[in-house]
């Protein structure tokens, strides 16, 4: 068999085109839509929704519900429970609303209740789970201690940046922007911007003042300015808060 270098350039171009066409064909046929046989395994699979090919690990679909016109990217894992065939105590375990987009390579792992609303978008490689290991007994390996569950809710219209981790008990409000790489462990109110690990609110929206930095963000800015001044550096100027006529910040 000739090596790639021995193949004439015109033949390599034709092979490249054929591979590209073939892969597109495989992706189109391999995607899971409402009429795909596998869609019937789900508790619900809305019209116009799609799980892109290739999918990640997907099992116990009976306890997973997907709304209408929702797009789940390639390599996304969706699971209810720890292993295929496990009986669950709640139904649904994982629910994803209408017109939601889950970025490629993300993992949604539910055991009790993971509720994702409508019109939500996530970046790639987001991890969402409602179960965590415990370490209460110092003499037993953490992996051998029985984990605990606490339901997760993500409000409609929110955006989760690349690599966001949402842990058990998290409550994310409506139209919330969570910065890339943040870890959400608690409650984030409606119409806010949160960043960090654990995620903290740095901006909030009010009808009267528009998007404004929170007190915590103001204190951090002041601390940076003082530190810069003590080192003989030029402190960054604090930006004015956006007015209600300004567009929401990009995260």
Protein backbone atom coordinates (compact mmCIF):
# COMPACT_ATOMS: atom_id res chain seq x y z
CA UNK A 1 0.00 0.00 0.00
CA UNK A 2 1.55 3.35 -1.00
CA UNK A 3 2.32 5.92 1.68
CA UNK A 4 0.48 9.30 1.58
CA UNK A 5 3.60 10.93 0.14
CA UNK A 6 3.54 8.53 -2.80
CA UNK A 7 -0.07 9.37 -3.67
CA UNK A 8 -0.33 12.03 -6.38
CA UNK A 9 -1.55 15.45 -5.16
CA UNK A 10 -4.75 15.25 -7.22
CA UNK A 11 -5.59 11.91 -5.62
CA UNK A 12 -4.99 13.30 -2.11
CA UNK A 13 -7.33 16.20 -2.88
CA UNK A 14 -10.03 13.84 -4.07
CA UNK A 15 -9.59 11.65 -0.99
CA UNK A 16 -9.79 14.70 1.27
CA UNK A 17 -13.02 15.83 -0.38
CA UNK A 18 -14.48 12.33 -0.16
CA UNK A 19 -13.61 12.06 3.55
CA UNK A 20 -15.17 15.45 4.27
CA UNK A 21 -18.36 14.57 2.38
CA UNK A 22 -18.49 11.16 4.07
CA UNK A 23 -18.06 12.62 7.56
CA UNK A 24 -20.80 15.19 6.96
CA UNK A 25 -23.06 12.39 5.74
CA UNK A 26 -22.30 10.30 8.84
CA UNK A 27 -22.98 13.29 11.13
CA UNK A 28 -26.30 13.99 9.42
CA UNK A 29 -27.46 10.38 9.60
CA UNK A 30 -26.06 9.80 13.09
CA UNK A 31 -27.79 12.78 14.72
CA UNK A 32 -30.72 11.92 16.99
CA UNK A 33 -33.91 13.77 16.13
CA UNK A 34 -37.58 13.33 17.12
CA UNK A 35 -38.09 10.61 14.50
CA UNK A 36 -34.94 8.67 15.31
CA UNK A 37 -35.60 5.26 16.94
CA UNK A 38 -33.42 6.22 19.89
CA UNK A 39 -35.54 9.31 20.59
CA UNK A 40 -38.36 6.97 21.64
CA UNK A 41 -36.31 5.90 24.67
CA UNK A 42 -36.53 9.40 26.18
CA UNK A 43 -39.24 10.48 28.57
CA UNK A 44 -39.89 13.29 26.07
CA UNK A 45 -38.14 14.47 22.93
CA UNK A 46 -39.59 17.66 21.48
CA UNK A 47 -40.17 18.56 17.85
CA UNK A 48 -37.23 20.20 16.13
CA UNK A 49 -34.74 19.08 18.80
CA UNK A 50 -31.45 17.41 17.97
CA UNK A 51 -28.59 15.55 19.64
CA UNK A 52 -25.58 16.00 17.37
CA UNK A 53 -23.33 13.18 16.27
CA UNK A 54 -21.21 11.78 17.78
CA UNK A 55 -23.02 11.77 21.15
CA UNK A 56 -21.36 11.23 24.50
CA UNK A 57 -22.49 8.65 27.05
CA UNK A 58 -26.29 8.61 27.16
CA UNK A 59 -28.24 6.19 29.31
CA UNK A 60 -31.48 5.80 31.27
CA UNK A 61 -33.18 8.05 28.73
CA UNK A 62 -36.56 7.17 30.20
CA UNK A 63 -35.92 9.71 32.98
CA UNK A 64 -34.62 12.43 30.66
CA UNK A 65 -36.93 14.94 28.97
CA UNK A 66 -35.90 17.31 26.19
CA UNK A 67 -38.09 20.20 25.03
CA UNK A 68 -38.74 21.54 21.54
CA UNK A 69 -36.17 23.11 19.20
CA UNK A 70 -33.33 22.32 21.59
CA UNK A 71 -29.82 21.61 20.29
CA UNK A 72 -27.43 19.32 22.18
CA UNK A 73 -23.93 19.47 20.76
CA UNK A 74 -21.56 16.61 19.90
CA UNK A 75 -19.84 14.59 22.64
CA UNK A 76 -22.42 15.70 25.23
CA UNK A 77 -23.10 13.13 27.95
CA UNK A 78 -26.63 12.86 29.37
CA UNK A 79 -27.34 10.42 32.16
CA UNK A 80 -29.83 9.65 34.89
CA UNK A 81 -28.23 7.65 37.66
CA UNK A 82 -24.87 5.94 37.94
CA UNK A 83 -25.31 3.07 35.48
CA UNK A 84 -27.59 1.89 32.67
CA UNK A 85 -30.72 0.14 33.91
CA UNK A 86 -30.78 1.84 37.30
CA UNK A 87 -34.26 2.58 38.64
CA UNK A 88 -34.72 6.20 39.68
CA UNK A 89 -36.84 7.63 42.50
CA UNK A 90 -37.99 10.76 40.63
CA UNK A 91 -39.30 11.45 37.14
CA UNK A 92 -37.95 13.31 35.33
CA UNK A 93 -34.43 13.25 36.68
CA UNK A 94 -33.06 15.55 33.97
CA UNK A 95 -35.26 18.03 32.13
CA UNK A 96 -34.07 20.45 29.45
CA UNK A 97 -36.46 23.11 28.19
CA UNK A 98 -37.30 24.59 24.80
CA UNK A 99 -34.87 26.39 22.48
CA UNK A 100 -31.89 25.55 24.69
CA UNK A 101 -28.35 24.99 23.41
CA UNK A 102 -25.90 22.71 25.25
CA UNK A 103 -22.30 23.18 24.11
CA UNK A 104 -20.10 20.36 22.84
CA UNK A 105 -18.37 18.09 25.32
CA UNK A 106 -20.66 19.05 28.20
CA UNK A 107 -21.84 16.61 30.89
CA UNK A 108 -25.27 16.65 32.52
CA UNK A 109 -25.37 13.98 35.20
CA UNK A 110 -28.60 13.77 37.20
CA UNK A 111 -29.55 11.51 40.09
CA UNK A 112 -32.55 13.28 41.63
CA UNK A 113 -33.46 16.52 39.85
CA UNK A 114 -31.61 18.67 37.32
CA UNK A 115 -33.94 21.27 35.80
CA UNK A 116 -32.64 23.37 32.91
CA UNK A 117 -35.05 26.01 31.63
CA UNK A 118 -35.90 27.50 28.24
CA UNK A 119 -33.70 29.64 25.97
CA UNK A 120 -30.50 28.74 27.82
CA UNK A 121 -27.12 28.61 26.10
CA UNK A 122 -23.93 27.05 27.40
CA UNK A 123 -20.38 27.12 26.14
CA UNK A 124 -18.49 23.86 25.63
CA UNK A 125 -17.39 21.51 28.41
CA UNK A 126 -19.93 22.60 31.01
CA UNK A 127 -20.53 20.14 33.88
CA UNK A 128 -23.87 20.02 35.72
CA UNK A 129 -24.70 17.53 38.47
CA UNK A 130 -26.99 17.20 41.47
CA UNK A 131 -24.87 14.65 43.35
CA UNK A 132 -21.64 14.97 45.28
CA UNK A 133 -19.43 12.76 47.41
CA UNK A 134 -19.22 13.28 51.17
CA UNK A 135 -16.25 13.06 53.52
CA UNK A 136 -17.96 13.03 56.93
CA UNK A 137 -16.25 9.81 58.05
CA UNK A 138 -12.49 10.40 58.10
CA UNK A 139 -11.75 6.67 58.34
CA UNK A 140 -13.62 5.65 55.17
CA UNK A 141 -12.37 6.42 51.66
CA UNK A 142 -14.40 9.29 50.21
CA UNK A 143 -15.32 7.24 47.15
CA UNK A 144 -16.82 4.55 49.41
CA UNK A 145 -19.09 6.95 51.35
CA UNK A 146 -22.66 7.25 50.13
CA UNK A 147 -23.07 10.44 48.05
CA UNK A 148 -25.80 12.99 48.65
CA UNK A 149 -28.15 14.67 46.19
CA UNK A 150 -29.53 18.19 46.09
CA UNK A 151 -31.63 19.42 43.18
CA UNK A 152 -30.26 21.91 40.64
CA UNK A 153 -32.28 24.59 38.86
CA UNK A 154 -31.07 26.83 36.02
CA UNK A 155 -33.48 29.60 35.11
CA UNK A 156 -34.63 30.41 31.60
CA UNK A 157 -32.64 32.81 29.45
CA UNK A 158 -29.33 32.24 31.22
CA UNK A 159 -25.87 31.84 29.73
CA UNK A 160 -23.14 29.56 31.10
CA UNK A 161 -19.64 30.20 29.76
CA UNK A 162 -17.06 27.62 28.77
CA UNK A 163 -16.07 25.19 31.52
CA UNK A 164 -18.68 26.28 34.07
CA UNK A 165 -19.33 23.72 36.83
CA UNK A 166 -22.77 23.64 38.47
CA UNK A 167 -22.80 21.64 41.70
CA UNK A 168 -25.61 20.16 43.83
CA UNK A 169 -28.01 22.67 45.37
CA UNK A 170 -27.21 25.42 42.86
CA UNK A 171 -30.05 27.78 41.99
CA UNK A 172 -29.39 30.02 39.01
CA UNK A 173 -32.03 32.65 38.31
CA UNK A 174 -33.41 33.93 35.03
CA UNK A 175 -31.21 35.75 32.52
CA UNK A 176 -28.02 35.16 34.48
CA UNK A 177 -24.57 35.27 32.86
CA UNK A 178 -22.02 32.96 34.48
CA UNK A 179 -18.42 33.63 33.46
CA UNK A 180 -16.19 30.95 31.95
CA UNK A 181 -14.60 28.56 34.42
CA UNK A 182 -16.87 29.55 37.31
CA UNK A 183 -18.11 27.05 39.91
CA UNK A 184 -21.72 27.59 41.02
CA UNK A 185 -22.53 26.21 44.47
CA UNK A 186 -25.32 28.43 45.80
CA UNK A 187 -28.01 30.87 44.71
CA UNK A 188 -27.58 33.41 41.92
CA UNK A 189 -30.49 35.88 41.63
CA UNK A 190 -32.24 36.89 38.44
CA UNK A 191 -30.53 39.32 36.06
CA UNK A 192 -26.99 39.19 37.36
CA UNK A 193 -23.42 38.45 36.24
CA UNK A 194 -21.43 35.99 38.37
CA UNK A 195 -17.82 34.85 38.11
CA UNK A 196 -15.28 32.92 40.14
CA UNK A 197 -14.94 29.79 42.24
CA UNK A 198 -17.25 29.82 44.02
CA UNK A 199 -19.21 32.09 41.70
CA UNK A 200 -20.00 35.53 43.15
CA UNK A 201 -22.28 38.22 41.78
CA UNK A 202 -20.27 41.09 40.32
CA UNK A 203 -23.04 42.94 38.48
CA UNK A 204 -26.80 43.21 38.84
CA UNK A 205 -29.51 44.84 36.80
CA UNK A 206 -32.18 47.15 38.14
CA UNK A 207 -34.81 49.02 36.12
CA UNK A 208 -33.73 52.31 37.67
CA UNK A 209 -29.93 52.08 37.39
CA UNK A 210 -29.31 49.48 34.69
CA UNK A 211 -26.27 47.21 35.05
CA UNK A 212 -24.27 48.15 38.16
CA UNK A 213 -21.31 46.62 39.94
CA UNK A 214 -22.10 45.08 43.31
CA UNK A 215 -20.59 46.26 46.59
CA UNK A 216 -18.18 43.31 46.60
CA UNK A 217 -16.93 44.23 43.14
CA UNK A 218 -16.48 47.86 44.25
CA UNK A 219 -14.44 46.76 47.26
CA UNK A 220 -12.22 44.55 45.10
CA UNK A 221 -11.60 47.43 42.67
CA UNK A 222 -10.69 49.74 45.57
CA UNK A 223 -8.29 47.14 46.98
CA UNK A 224 -6.55 46.80 43.61
CA UNK A 225 -6.23 50.56 43.33
CA UNK A 226 -4.69 50.83 46.81
CA UNK A 227 -2.26 47.99 46.12
CA UNK A 228 -1.20 49.55 42.84
CA UNK A 229 -0.68 52.90 44.54
CA UNK A 230 1.46 51.42 47.31
CA UNK A 231 3.72 49.84 44.68
CA UNK A 232 4.12 53.07 42.76
CA UNK A 233 1.97 51.85 39.87
CA UNK A 234 -0.84 53.59 38.08
CA UNK A 235 -4.08 52.23 39.43
CA UNK A 236 -6.75 51.31 36.87
CA UNK A 237 -9.56 53.79 36.73
CA UNK A 238 -12.94 52.57 37.87
CA UNK A 239 -15.39 52.47 35.01
CA UNK A 240 -18.72 54.15 35.34
CA UNK A 241 -21.69 51.86 35.76
CA UNK A 242 -23.69 51.23 32.65
CA UNK A 243 -27.04 52.95 32.41
CA UNK A 244 -30.32 51.26 31.75
CA UNK A 245 -29.88 52.18 28.05
CA UNK A 246 -26.65 50.19 27.82
CA UNK A 247 -26.48 46.62 26.57
CA UNK A 248 -25.72 43.86 29.09
CA UNK A 249 -22.01 43.12 29.49
CA UNK A 250 -20.39 40.33 27.52
CA UNK A 251 -18.99 37.48 29.62
